């Protein structure tokens, strides 16, 4: 991860919304894909987890990043393959029960892996 640019949650959200606007993506699943990873802070959990176990991959094809969509869901896969979750249910800005985001980073854009 040392060579990847770290983003805040807000920066990652803005990036994916801008990506969808740039590519005129107005429906889930259409157009090019941009994948992002969110790493959840260890302090969120009572048990110790590795960084991979705290990392979730999600894409621009979630309703949250398409302003014209009514729904606001963000589905993500844990990088260790252990679970599939709704990030919008656990990352809730301003809510004290929210998972804390350590950082995000761009994983892949338009099918090209980002170095």
PDB file of N, CA and C in Angstrom:
ATOM      1  N   UNK A   1       0.825  -1.200   0.000  1.00  0.00           N
ATOM      2  CA  UNK A   1       0.000   0.000   0.000  1.00  0.00           C
ATOM      3  C   UNK A   1       0.860   1.252   0.000  1.00  0.00           C
ATOM      4  N   UNK A   2       2.129   1.135   0.259  1.00  0.00           N
ATOM      5  CA  UNK A   2       2.995   2.303   0.410  1.00  0.00           C
ATOM      6  C   UNK A   2       2.976   3.215  -0.812  1.00  0.00           C
ATOM      7  N   UNK A   3       2.791   2.654  -2.010  1.00  0.00           N
ATOM      8  CA  UNK A   3       2.841   3.485  -3.207  1.00  0.00           C
ATOM      9  C   UNK A   3       1.468   3.964  -3.677  1.00  0.00           C
ATOM     10  N   UNK A   4       0.423   3.634  -2.946  1.00  0.00           N
ATOM     11  CA  UNK A   4      -0.922   4.064  -3.329  1.00  0.00           C
ATOM     12  C   UNK A   4      -1.302   5.336  -2.581  1.00  0.00           C
ATOM     13  N   UNK A   5      -2.007   6.217  -3.265  1.00  0.00           N
ATOM     14  CA  UNK A   5      -2.444   7.472  -2.656  1.00  0.00           C
ATOM     15  C   UNK A   5      -3.623   7.190  -1.715  1.00  0.00           C
ATOM     16  N   UNK A   6      -3.478   7.596  -0.480  1.00  0.00           N
ATOM     17  CA  UNK A   6      -4.539   7.412   0.503  1.00  0.00           C
ATOM     18  C   UNK A   6      -5.568   8.534   0.366  1.00  0.00           C
ATOM     19  N   UNK A   7      -6.830   8.149   0.411  1.00  0.00           N
ATOM     20  CA  UNK A   7      -7.946   9.085   0.331  1.00  0.00           C
ATOM     21  C   UNK A   7      -8.792   8.968   1.592  1.00  0.00           C
ATOM     22  N   UNK A   8      -9.468  10.028   1.951  1.00  0.00           N
ATOM     23  CA  UNK A   8     -10.463   9.950   3.011  1.00  0.00           C
ATOM     24  C   UNK A   8     -11.722   9.328   2.415  1.00  0.00           C
ATOM     25  N   UNK A   9     -12.665   8.978   3.274  1.00  0.00           N
ATOM     26  CA  UNK A   9     -13.943   8.450   2.803  1.00  0.00           C
ATOM     27  C   UNK A   9     -14.640   9.471   1.902  1.00  0.00           C
ATOM     28  N   UNK A  10     -14.676  10.721   2.340  1.00  0.00           N
ATOM     29  CA  UNK A  10     -15.331  11.765   1.544  1.00  0.00           C
ATOM     30  C   UNK A  10     -14.663  11.942   0.184  1.00  0.00           C
ATOM     31  N   UNK A  11     -13.338  11.892   0.143  1.00  0.00           N
ATOM     32  CA  UNK A  11     -12.624  12.022  -1.133  1.00  0.00           C
ATOM     33  C   UNK A  11     -12.950  10.847  -2.052  1.00  0.00           C
ATOM     34  N   UNK A  12     -13.027   9.636  -1.498  1.00  0.00           N
ATOM     35  CA  UNK A  12     -13.355   8.454  -2.300  1.00  0.00           C
ATOM     36  C   UNK A  12     -14.763   8.561  -2.880  1.00  0.00           C
ATOM     37  N   UNK A  13     -15.709   9.007  -2.059  1.00  0.00           N
ATOM     38  CA  UNK A  13     -17.093   9.179  -2.525  1.00  0.00           C
ATOM     39  C   UNK A  13     -17.139  10.208  -3.654  1.00  0.00           C
ATOM     40  N   UNK A  14     -16.500  11.345  -3.459  1.00  0.00           N
ATOM     41  CA  UNK A  14     -16.478  12.391  -4.490  1.00  0.00           C
ATOM     42  C   UNK A  14     -15.822  11.892  -5.772  1.00  0.00           C
ATOM     43  N   UNK A  15     -14.761  11.114  -5.643  1.00  0.00           N
ATOM     44  CA  UNK A  15     -14.058  10.573  -6.806  1.00  0.00           C
ATOM     45  C   UNK A  15     -14.993   9.678  -7.630  1.00  0.00           C
ATOM     46  N   UNK A  16     -15.711   8.779  -6.961  1.00  0.00           N
ATOM     47  CA  UNK A  16     -16.590   7.857  -7.685  1.00  0.00           C
ATOM     48  C   UNK A  16     -17.790   8.564  -8.295  1.00  0.00           C
ATOM     49  N   UNK A  17     -18.317   9.556  -7.611  1.00  0.00           N
ATOM     50  CA  UNK A  17     -19.421  10.341  -8.197  1.00  0.00           C
ATOM     51  C   UNK A  17     -18.921  11.075  -9.442  1.00  0.00           C
ATOM     52  N   UNK A  18     -17.740  11.694  -9.345  1.00  0.00           N
ATOM     53  CA  UNK A  18     -17.168  12.415 -10.495  1.00  0.00           C
ATOM     54  C   UNK A  18     -16.862  11.451 -11.638  1.00  0.00           C
ATOM     55  N   UNK A  19     -16.377  10.250 -11.324  1.00  0.00           N
ATOM     56  CA  UNK A  19     -16.105   9.236 -12.347  1.00  0.00           C
ATOM     57  C   UNK A  19     -17.392   8.904 -13.099  1.00  0.00           C
ATOM     58  N   UNK A  20     -18.479   8.709 -12.365  1.00  0.00           N
ATOM     59  CA  UNK A  20     -19.762   8.389 -12.999  1.00  0.00           C
ATOM     60  C   UNK A  20     -20.279   9.549 -13.842  1.00  0.00           C
ATOM     61  N   UNK A  21     -20.104  10.761 -13.353  1.00  0.00           N
ATOM     62  CA  UNK A  21     -20.535  11.924 -14.134  1.00  0.00           C
ATOM     63  C   UNK A  21     -19.699  12.056 -15.409  1.00  0.00           C
ATOM     64  N   UNK A  22     -18.390  11.860 -15.296  1.00  0.00           N
ATOM     65  CA  UNK A  22     -17.496  11.948 -16.453  1.00  0.00           C
ATOM     66  C   UNK A  22     -17.886  10.943 -17.541  1.00  0.00           C
ATOM     67  N   UNK A  23     -18.308   9.745 -17.121  1.00  0.00           N
ATOM     68  CA  UNK A  23     -18.647   8.682 -18.075  1.00  0.00           C
ATOM     69  C   UNK A  23     -20.146   8.573 -18.320  1.00  0.00           C
ATOM     70  N   UNK A  24     -20.894   9.575 -17.845  1.00  0.00           N
ATOM     71  CA  UNK A  24     -22.345   9.633 -18.041  1.00  0.00           C
ATOM     72  C   UNK A  24     -23.044   8.339 -17.596  1.00  0.00           C
ATOM     73  N   UNK A  25     -22.633   7.832 -16.443  1.00  0.00           N
ATOM     74  CA  UNK A  25     -23.247   6.626 -15.895  1.00  0.00           C
ATOM     75  C   UNK A  25     -24.443   7.033 -15.049  1.00  0.00           C
ATOM     76  N   UNK A  26     -25.616   6.626 -15.492  1.00  0.00           N
ATOM     77  CA  UNK A  26     -26.848   6.999 -14.790  1.00  0.00           C
ATOM     78  C   UNK A  26     -27.619   5.785 -14.281  1.00  0.00           C
ATOM     79  N   UNK A  27     -27.149   4.587 -14.615  1.00  0.00           N
ATOM     80  CA  UNK A  27     -27.785   3.368 -14.111  1.00  0.00           C
ATOM     81  C   UNK A  27     -26.719   2.408 -13.606  1.00  0.00           C
ATOM     82  N   UNK A  28     -27.072   1.687 -12.566  1.00  0.00           N
ATOM     83  CA  UNK A  28     -26.177   0.720 -11.945  1.00  0.00           C
ATOM     84  C   UNK A  28     -25.769  -0.352 -12.964  1.00  0.00           C
ATOM     85  N   UNK A  29     -24.473  -0.606 -13.076  1.00  0.00           N
ATOM     86  CA  UNK A  29     -23.989  -1.672 -13.942  1.00  0.00           C
ATOM     87  C   UNK A  29     -23.651  -1.274 -15.361  1.00  0.00           C
ATOM     88  N   UNK A  30     -23.879  -0.006 -15.740  1.00  0.00           N
ATOM     89  CA  UNK A  30     -23.562   0.407 -17.108  1.00  0.00           C
ATOM     90  C   UNK A  30     -22.259   1.198 -17.129  1.00  0.00           C
ATOM     91  N   UNK A  31     -21.560   1.133 -18.239  1.00  0.00           N
ATOM     92  CA  UNK A  31     -20.338   1.911 -18.397  1.00  0.00           C
ATOM     93  C   UNK A  31     -19.133   1.292 -17.714  1.00  0.00           C
ATOM     94  N   UNK A  32     -17.993   2.002 -17.766  1.00  0.00           N
ATOM     95  CA  UNK A  32     -16.753   1.479 -17.196  1.00  0.00           C
ATOM     96  C   UNK A  32     -16.829   1.369 -15.671  1.00  0.00           C
ATOM     97  N   UNK A  33     -15.925   0.568 -15.131  1.00  0.00           N
ATOM     98  CA  UNK A  33     -15.894   0.312 -13.693  1.00  0.00           C
ATOM     99  C   UNK A  33     -14.676   0.945 -13.050  1.00  0.00           C
ATOM    100  N   UNK A  34     -14.886   1.488 -11.875  1.00  0.00           N
ATOM    101  CA  UNK A  34     -13.820   2.040 -11.045  1.00  0.00           C
ATOM    102  C   UNK A  34     -13.956   1.382  -9.675  1.00  0.00           C
ATOM    103  N   UNK A  35     -12.905   0.681  -9.230  1.00  0.00           N
ATOM    104  CA  UNK A  35     -12.953  -0.006  -7.938  1.00  0.00           C
ATOM    105  C   UNK A  35     -12.121   0.731  -6.901  1.00  0.00           C
ATOM    106  N   UNK A  36     -12.678   0.801  -5.708  1.00  0.00           N
ATOM    107  CA  UNK A  36     -12.048   1.487  -4.586  1.00  0.00           C
ATOM    108  C   UNK A  36     -11.984   0.504  -3.414  1.00  0.00           C
ATOM    109  N   UNK A  37     -11.024   0.705  -2.526  1.00  0.00           N
ATOM    110  CA  UNK A  37     -10.912  -0.090  -1.303  1.00  0.00           C
ATOM    111  C   UNK A  37     -11.038   0.850  -0.115  1.00  0.00           C
ATOM    112  N   UNK A  38     -11.812   0.431   0.887  1.00  0.00           N
ATOM    113  CA  UNK A  38     -11.877   1.153   2.150  1.00  0.00           C
ATOM    114  C   UNK A  38     -11.268   0.245   3.213  1.00  0.00           C
ATOM    115  N   UNK A  39     -10.354   0.812   3.995  1.00  0.00           N
ATOM    116  CA  UNK A  39      -9.732   0.091   5.102  1.00  0.00           C
ATOM    117  C   UNK A  39     -10.354   0.635   6.387  1.00  0.00           C
ATOM    118  N   UNK A  40     -10.953  -0.266   7.150  1.00  0.00           N
ATOM    119  CA  UNK A  40     -11.612   0.125   8.391  1.00  0.00           C
ATOM    120  C   UNK A  40     -10.568   0.122   9.515  1.00  0.00           C
ATOM    121  N   UNK A  41     -10.618   1.131  10.370  1.00  0.00           N
ATOM    122  CA  UNK A  41      -9.658   1.263  11.467  1.00  0.00           C
ATOM    123  C   UNK A  41      -9.797   0.098  12.446  1.00  0.00           C
ATOM    124  N   UNK A  42      -8.669  -0.418  12.925  1.00  0.00           N
ATOM    125  CA  UNK A  42      -8.669  -1.509  13.896  1.00  0.00           C
ATOM    126  C   UNK A  42      -9.456  -1.120  15.142  1.00  0.00           C
ATOM    127  N   UNK A  43      -9.433   0.147  15.516  1.00  0.00           N
ATOM    128  CA  UNK A  43     -10.130   0.618  16.718  1.00  0.00           C
ATOM    129  C   UNK A  43     -11.648   0.414  16.650  1.00  0.00           C
ATOM    130  N   UNK A  44     -12.169   0.152  15.470  1.00  0.00           N
ATOM    131  CA  UNK A  44     -13.600  -0.110  15.301  1.00  0.00           C
ATOM    132  C   UNK A  44     -13.992  -1.449  15.922  1.00  0.00           C
ATOM    133  N   UNK A  45     -13.052  -2.370  15.987  1.00  0.00           N
ATOM    134  CA  UNK A  45     -13.339  -3.749  16.380  1.00  0.00           C
ATOM    135  C   UNK A  45     -12.784  -4.092  17.767  1.00  0.00           C
ATOM    136  N   UNK A  46     -13.406  -5.058  18.418  1.00  0.00           N
ATOM    137  CA  UNK A  46     -12.910  -5.523  19.712  1.00  0.00           C
ATOM    138  C   UNK A  46     -11.894  -6.647  19.541  1.00  0.00           C
ATOM    139  N   UNK A  47     -11.948  -7.355  18.429  1.00  0.00           N
ATOM    140  CA  UNK A  47     -11.000  -8.429  18.113  1.00  0.00           C
ATOM    141  C   UNK A  47      -9.944  -7.906  17.142  1.00  0.00           C
ATOM    142  N   UNK A  48      -8.726  -8.441  17.187  1.00  0.00           N
ATOM    143  CA  UNK A  48      -7.706  -7.996  16.227  1.00  0.00           C
ATOM    144  C   UNK A  48      -7.957  -8.585  14.832  1.00  0.00           C
ATOM    145  N   UNK A  49      -7.780  -7.757  13.811  1.00  0.00           N
ATOM    146  CA  UNK A  49      -7.921  -8.192  12.428  1.00  0.00           C
ATOM    147  C   UNK A  49      -6.745  -7.649  11.622  1.00  0.00           C
ATOM    148  N   UNK A  50      -6.349  -8.394  10.599  1.00  0.00           N
ATOM    149  CA  UNK A  50      -5.294  -7.921   9.706  1.00  0.00           C
ATOM    150  C   UNK A  50      -5.860  -6.813   8.826  1.00  0.00           C
ATOM    151  N   UNK A  51      -4.983  -6.102   8.143  1.00  0.00           N
ATOM    152  CA  UNK A  51      -5.451  -5.050   7.237  1.00  0.00           C
ATOM    153  C   UNK A  51      -6.321  -5.628   6.128  1.00  0.00           C
ATOM    154  N   UNK A  52      -5.976  -6.787   5.620  1.00  0.00           N
ATOM    155  CA  UNK A  52      -6.773  -7.427   4.565  1.00  0.00           C
ATOM    156  C   UNK A  52      -8.165  -7.764   5.093  1.00  0.00           C
ATOM    157  N   UNK A  53      -8.267  -8.221   6.336  1.00  0.00           N
ATOM    158  CA  UNK A  53      -9.555  -8.562   6.929  1.00  0.00           C
ATOM    159  C   UNK A  53     -10.408  -7.321   7.201  1.00  0.00           C
ATOM    160  N   UNK A  54      -9.778  -6.147   7.236  1.00  0.00           N
ATOM    161  CA  UNK A  54     -10.488  -4.886   7.468  1.00  0.00           C
ATOM    162  C   UNK A  54     -10.681  -4.083   6.180  1.00  0.00           C
ATOM    163  N   UNK A  55     -10.363  -4.683   5.030  1.00  0.00           N
ATOM    164  CA  UNK A  55     -10.419  -3.993   3.739  1.00  0.00           C
ATOM    165  C   UNK A  55     -11.569  -4.512   2.893  1.00  0.00           C
ATOM    166  N   UNK A  56     -12.325  -3.572   2.319  1.00  0.00           N
ATOM    167  CA  UNK A  56     -13.510  -3.909   1.533  1.00  0.00           C
ATOM    168  C   UNK A  56     -13.447  -3.234   0.171  1.00  0.00           C
ATOM    169  N   UNK A  57     -13.721  -4.002  -0.876  1.00  0.00           N
ATOM    170  CA  UNK A  57     -13.692  -3.505  -2.250  1.00  0.00           C
ATOM    171  C   UNK A  57     -15.115  -3.159  -2.680  1.00  0.00           C
ATOM    172  N   UNK A  58     -15.271  -1.979  -3.274  1.00  0.00           N
ATOM    173  CA  UNK A  58     -16.564  -1.547  -3.793  1.00  0.00           C
ATOM    174  C   UNK A  58     -16.326  -0.778  -5.084  1.00  0.00           C
ATOM    175  N   UNK A  59     -17.382  -0.541  -5.840  1.00  0.00           N
ATOM    176  CA  UNK A  59     -17.208   0.116  -7.136  1.00  0.00           C
ATOM    177  C   UNK A  59     -18.172   1.279  -7.338  1.00  0.00           C
ATOM    178  N   UNK A  60     -17.927   1.989  -8.419  1.00  0.00           N
ATOM    179  CA  UNK A  60     -18.777   3.106  -8.826  1.00  0.00           C
ATOM    180  C   UNK A  60     -20.179   2.657  -9.223  1.00  0.00           C
ATOM    181  N   UNK A  61     -20.390   1.367  -9.413  1.00  0.00           N
ATOM    182  CA  UNK A  61     -21.686   0.856  -9.854  1.00  0.00           C
ATOM    183  C   UNK A  61     -22.660   0.632  -8.703  1.00  0.00           C
ATOM    184  N   UNK A  62     -22.420   1.264  -7.584  1.00  0.00           N
ATOM    185  CA  UNK A  62     -23.359   1.254  -6.476  1.00  0.00           C
ATOM    186  C   UNK A  62     -24.246   2.490  -6.581  1.00  0.00           C
ATOM    187  N   UNK A  63     -25.491   2.355  -6.157  1.00  0.00           N
ATOM    188  CA  UNK A  63     -26.457   3.444  -6.287  1.00  0.00           C
ATOM    189  C   UNK A  63     -26.008   4.730  -5.593  1.00  0.00           C
ATOM    190  N   UNK A  64     -25.255   4.610  -4.508  1.00  0.00           N
ATOM    191  CA  UNK A  64     -24.794   5.769  -3.739  1.00  0.00           C
ATOM    192  C   UNK A  64     -24.023   6.771  -4.594  1.00  0.00           C
ATOM    193  N   UNK A  65     -23.319   6.271  -5.603  1.00  0.00           N
ATOM    194  CA  UNK A  65     -22.453   7.110  -6.424  1.00  0.00           C
ATOM    195  C   UNK A  65     -23.116   7.600  -7.707  1.00  0.00           C
ATOM    196  N   UNK A  66     -24.399   7.299  -7.867  1.00  0.00           N
ATOM    197  CA  UNK A  66     -25.156   7.739  -9.032  1.00  0.00           C
ATOM    198  C   UNK A  66     -26.257   8.667  -8.521  1.00  0.00           C
ATOM    199  N   UNK A  67     -26.009   9.978  -8.538  1.00  0.00           N
ATOM    200  CA  UNK A  67     -26.939  10.930  -7.929  1.00  0.00           C
ATOM    201  C   UNK A  67     -28.397  10.806  -8.380  1.00  0.00           C
ATOM    202  N   UNK A  68     -28.643  10.359  -9.602  1.00  0.00           N
ATOM    203  CA  UNK A  68     -30.019  10.258 -10.089  1.00  0.00           C
ATOM    204  C   UNK A  68     -30.757   9.047  -9.523  1.00  0.00           C
ATOM    205  N   UNK A  69     -30.062   8.135  -8.846  1.00  0.00           N
ATOM    206  CA  UNK A  69     -30.707   6.958  -8.256  1.00  0.00           C
ATOM    207  C   UNK A  69     -31.384   7.318  -6.946  1.00  0.00           C
ATOM    208  N   UNK A  70     -32.492   6.715  -6.686  1.00  0.00           N
ATOM    209  CA  UNK A  70     -33.208   6.949  -5.436  1.00  0.00           C
ATOM    210  C   UNK A  70     -32.514   6.227  -4.288  1.00  0.00           C
ATOM    211  N   UNK A  71     -32.097   4.991  -4.517  1.00  0.00           N
ATOM    212  CA  UNK A  71     -31.423   4.205  -3.488  1.00  0.00           C
ATOM    213  C   UNK A  71     -30.031   4.741  -3.204  1.00  0.00           C
ATOM    214  N   UNK A  72     -29.517   4.410  -2.042  1.00  0.00           N
ATOM    215  CA  UNK A  72     -28.193   4.888  -1.640  1.00  0.00           C
ATOM    216  C   UNK A  72     -27.323   3.751  -1.118  1.00  0.00           C
ATOM    217  N   UNK A  73     -27.476   2.545  -1.665  1.00  0.00           N
ATOM    218  CA  UNK A  73     -26.727   1.387  -1.190  1.00  0.00           C
ATOM    219  C   UNK A  73     -25.291   1.369  -1.736  1.00  0.00           C
ATOM    220  N   UNK A  74     -24.400   0.798  -0.902  1.00  0.00           N
ATOM    221  CA  UNK A  74     -23.011   0.554  -1.299  1.00  0.00           C
ATOM    222  C   UNK A  74     -22.685  -0.867  -0.853  1.00  0.00           C
ATOM    223  N   UNK A  75     -22.587  -1.786  -1.800  1.00  0.00           N
ATOM    224  CA  UNK A  75     -22.236  -3.167  -1.495  1.00  0.00           C
ATOM    225  C   UNK A  75     -20.739  -3.363  -1.685  1.00  0.00           C
ATOM    226  N   UNK A  76     -20.126  -4.163  -0.804  1.00  0.00           N
ATOM    227  CA  UNK A  76     -18.685  -4.363  -0.852  1.00  0.00           C
ATOM    228  C   UNK A  76     -18.322  -5.784  -0.425  1.00  0.00           C
ATOM    229  N   UNK A  77     -17.203  -6.263  -0.981  1.00  0.00           N
ATOM    230  CA  UNK A  77     -16.647  -7.565  -0.625  1.00  0.00           C
ATOM    231  C   UNK A  77     -15.415  -7.367   0.242  1.00  0.00           C
ATOM    232  N   UNK A  78     -15.323  -8.137   1.328  1.00  0.00           N
ATOM    233  CA  UNK A  78     -14.110  -8.104   2.132  1.00  0.00           C
ATOM    234  C   UNK A  78     -12.979  -8.700   1.289  1.00  0.00           C
ATOM    235  N   UNK A  79     -11.803  -8.120   1.366  1.00  0.00           N
ATOM    236  CA  UNK A  79     -10.680  -8.576   0.540  1.00  0.00           C
ATOM    237  C   UNK A  79     -10.214  -9.984   0.899  1.00  0.00           C
ATOM    238  N   UNK A  80     -10.559 -10.478   2.097  1.00  0.00           N
ATOM    239  CA  UNK A  80     -10.179 -11.846   2.449  1.00  0.00           C
ATOM    240  C   UNK A  80     -11.234 -12.861   2.012  1.00  0.00           C
ATOM    241  N   UNK A  81     -12.320 -12.370   1.382  1.00  0.00           N
ATOM    242  CA  UNK A  81     -13.368 -13.247   0.877  1.00  0.00           C
ATOM    243  C   UNK A  81     -14.349 -13.733   1.928  1.00  0.00           C
ATOM    244  N   UNK A  82     -14.279 -13.197   3.145  1.00  0.00           N
ATOM    245  CA  UNK A  82     -15.099 -13.708   4.240  1.00  0.00           C
ATOM    246  C   UNK A  82     -16.533 -13.182   4.272  1.00  0.00           C
ATOM    247  N   UNK A  83     -16.771 -12.010   3.679  1.00  0.00           N
ATOM    248  CA  UNK A  83     -18.126 -11.461   3.755  1.00  0.00           C
ATOM    249  C   UNK A  83     -18.410 -10.459   2.653  1.00  0.00           C
ATOM    250  N   UNK A  84     -19.696 -10.272   2.450  1.00  0.00           N
ATOM    251  CA  UNK A  84     -20.250  -9.302   1.503  1.00  0.00           C
ATOM    252  C   UNK A  84     -21.178  -8.432   2.339  1.00  0.00           C
ATOM    253  N   UNK A  85     -20.921  -7.117   2.382  1.00  0.00           N
ATOM    254  CA  UNK A  85     -21.685  -6.249   3.273  1.00  0.00           C
ATOM    255  C   UNK A  85     -22.211  -5.013   2.549  1.00  0.00           C
ATOM    256  N   UNK A  86     -23.099  -4.316   3.235  1.00  0.00           N
ATOM    257  CA  UNK A  86     -23.550  -2.994   2.790  1.00  0.00           C
ATOM    258  C   UNK A  86     -22.778  -1.962   3.590  1.00  0.00           C
ATOM    259  N   UNK A  87     -21.872  -1.274   2.927  1.00  0.00           N
ATOM    260  CA  UNK A  87     -21.075  -0.249   3.607  1.00  0.00           C
ATOM    261  C   UNK A  87     -21.939   0.888   4.126  1.00  0.00           C
ATOM    262  N   UNK A  88     -23.007   1.203   3.409  1.00  0.00           N
ATOM    263  CA  UNK A  88     -23.864   2.307   3.856  1.00  0.00           C
ATOM    264  C   UNK A  88     -24.570   1.985   5.168  1.00  0.00           C
ATOM    265  N   UNK A  89     -24.592   0.722   5.593  1.00  0.00           N
ATOM    266  CA  UNK A  89     -25.160   0.344   6.883  1.00  0.00           C
ATOM    267  C   UNK A  89     -24.146   0.455   8.018  1.00  0.00           C
ATOM    268  N   UNK A  90     -22.854   0.491   7.697  1.00  0.00           N
ATOM    269  CA  UNK A  90     -21.825   0.506   8.743  1.00  0.00           C
ATOM    270  C   UNK A  90     -20.949   1.763   8.733  1.00  0.00           C
ATOM    271  N   UNK A  91     -20.885   2.459   7.607  1.00  0.00           N
ATOM    272  CA  UNK A  91     -20.174   3.737   7.541  1.00  0.00           C
ATOM    273  C   UNK A  91     -21.236   4.828   7.427  1.00  0.00           C
ATOM    274  N   UNK A  92     -21.485   5.463   8.560  1.00  0.00           N
ATOM    275  CA  UNK A  92     -22.563   6.443   8.642  1.00  0.00           C
ATOM    276  C   UNK A  92     -21.979   7.720   9.240  1.00  0.00           C
ATOM    277  N   UNK A  93     -21.540   8.652   8.399  1.00  0.00           N
ATOM    278  CA  UNK A  93     -20.933   9.887   8.924  1.00  0.00           C
ATOM    279  C   UNK A  93     -21.807  10.563   9.980  1.00  0.00           C
ATOM    280  N   UNK A  94     -21.184  10.931  11.093  1.00  0.00           N
ATOM    281  CA  UNK A  94     -21.889  11.612  12.165  1.00  0.00           C
ATOM    282  C   UNK A  94     -22.569  10.689  13.167  1.00  0.00           C
ATOM    283  N   UNK A  95     -22.615   9.386  12.888  1.00  0.00           N
ATOM    284  CA  UNK A  95     -23.249   8.425  13.787  1.00  0.00           C
ATOM    285  C   UNK A  95     -22.169   7.782  14.662  1.00  0.00           C
ATOM    286  N   UNK A  96     -22.319   7.815  15.989  1.00  0.00           N
ATOM    287  CA  UNK A  96     -21.297   7.245  16.871  1.00  0.00           C
ATOM    288  C   UNK A  96     -21.137   5.731  16.724  1.00  0.00           C
ATOM    289  N   UNK A  97     -22.110   5.044  16.139  1.00  0.00           N
ATOM    290  CA  UNK A  97     -22.011   3.595  15.919  1.00  0.00           C
ATOM    291  C   UNK A  97     -21.289   3.258  14.614  1.00  0.00           C
ATOM    292  N   UNK A  98     -20.958   4.259  13.836  1.00  0.00           N
ATOM    293  CA  UNK A  98     -20.331   4.065  12.532  1.00  0.00           C
ATOM    294  C   UNK A  98     -18.946   3.426  12.665  1.00  0.00           C
ATOM    295  N   UNK A  99     -18.608   2.589  11.688  1.00  0.00           N
ATOM    296  CA  UNK A  99     -17.238   2.091  11.592  1.00  0.00           C
ATOM    297  C   UNK A  99     -16.342   3.268  11.226  1.00  0.00           C
ATOM    298  N   UNK A 100     -15.147   3.305  11.800  1.00  0.00           N
ATOM    299  CA  UNK A 100     -14.178   4.356  11.494  1.00  0.00           C
ATOM    300  C   UNK A 100     -13.355   3.960  10.279  1.00  0.00           C
ATOM    301  N   UNK A 101     -13.287   4.860   9.308  1.00  0.00           N
ATOM    302  CA  UNK A 101     -12.493   4.614   8.103  1.00  0.00           C
ATOM    303  C   UNK A 101     -11.062   5.065   8.371  1.00  0.00           C
ATOM    304  N   UNK A 102     -10.120   4.145   8.167  1.00  0.00           N
ATOM    305  CA  UNK A 102      -8.706   4.501   8.297  1.00  0.00           C
ATOM    306  C   UNK A 102      -8.264   5.268   7.057  1.00  0.00           C
ATOM    307  N   UNK A 103      -8.542   4.703   5.883  1.00  0.00           N
ATOM    308  CA  UNK A 103      -8.270   5.362   4.608  1.00  0.00           C
ATOM    309  C   UNK A 103      -8.897   4.551   3.485  1.00  0.00           C
ATOM    310  N   UNK A 104      -8.930   5.134   2.300  1.00  0.00           N
ATOM    311  CA  UNK A 104      -9.398   4.475   1.079  1.00  0.00           C
ATOM    312  C   UNK A 104      -8.291   4.598   0.038  1.00  0.00           C
ATOM    313  N   UNK A 105      -8.356   3.763  -0.993  1.00  0.00           N
ATOM    314  CA  UNK A 105      -7.450   3.916  -2.128  1.00  0.00           C
ATOM    315  C   UNK A 105      -8.078   3.339  -3.384  1.00  0.00           C
ATOM    316  N   UNK A 106      -7.655   3.886  -4.502  1.00  0.00           N
ATOM    317  CA  UNK A 106      -8.127   3.454  -5.811  1.00  0.00           C
ATOM    318  C   UNK A 106      -7.446   2.134  -6.162  1.00  0.00           C
ATOM    319  N   UNK A 107      -8.227   1.111  -6.484  1.00  0.00           N
ATOM    320  CA  UNK A 107      -7.697  -0.204  -6.819  1.00  0.00           C
ATOM    321  C   UNK A 107      -7.592  -0.402  -8.327  1.00  0.00           C
ATOM    322  N   UNK A 108      -8.644  -0.034  -9.038  1.00  0.00           N
ATOM    323  CA  UNK A 108      -8.707  -0.284 -10.480  1.00  0.00           C
ATOM    324  C   UNK A 108      -9.636   0.729 -11.131  1.00  0.00           C
ATOM    325  N   UNK A 109      -9.253   1.216 -12.287  1.00  0.00           N
ATOM    326  CA  UNK A 109     -10.100   2.155 -13.009  1.00  0.00           C
ATOM    327  C   UNK A 109     -10.216   1.729 -14.455  1.00  0.00           C
ATOM    328  N   UNK A 110     -11.453   1.576 -14.915  1.00  0.00           N
ATOM    329  CA  UNK A 110     -11.737   1.174 -16.302  1.00  0.00           C
ATOM    330  C   UNK A 110     -10.988  -0.092 -16.703  1.00  0.00           C
ATOM    331  N   UNK A 111     -10.896  -1.048 -15.771  1.00  0.00           N
ATOM    332  CA  UNK A 111     -10.264  -2.323 -16.090  1.00  0.00           C
ATOM    333  C   UNK A 111      -8.751  -2.332 -15.984  1.00  0.00           C
ATOM    334  N   UNK A 112      -8.145  -1.200 -15.711  1.00  0.00           N
ATOM    335  CA  UNK A 112      -6.690  -1.122 -15.577  1.00  0.00           C
ATOM    336  C   UNK A 112      -6.316  -1.032 -14.105  1.00  0.00           C
ATOM    337  N   UNK A 113      -5.463  -1.945 -13.628  1.00  0.00           N
ATOM    338  CA  UNK A 113      -5.048  -1.895 -12.237  1.00  0.00           C
ATOM    339  C   UNK A 113      -4.210  -0.638 -12.011  1.00  0.00           C
ATOM    340  N   UNK A 114      -4.432   0.007 -10.884  1.00  0.00           N
ATOM    341  CA  UNK A 114      -3.711   1.216 -10.522  1.00  0.00           C
ATOM    342  C   UNK A 114      -2.502   0.838  -9.704  1.00  0.00           C
ATOM    343  N   UNK A 115      -1.341   1.377 -10.075  1.00  0.00           N
ATOM    344  CA  UNK A 115      -0.090   1.047  -9.354  1.00  0.00           C
ATOM    345  C   UNK A 115       0.012   1.812  -8.066  1.00  0.00           C
TER     346      UNK A 115
END
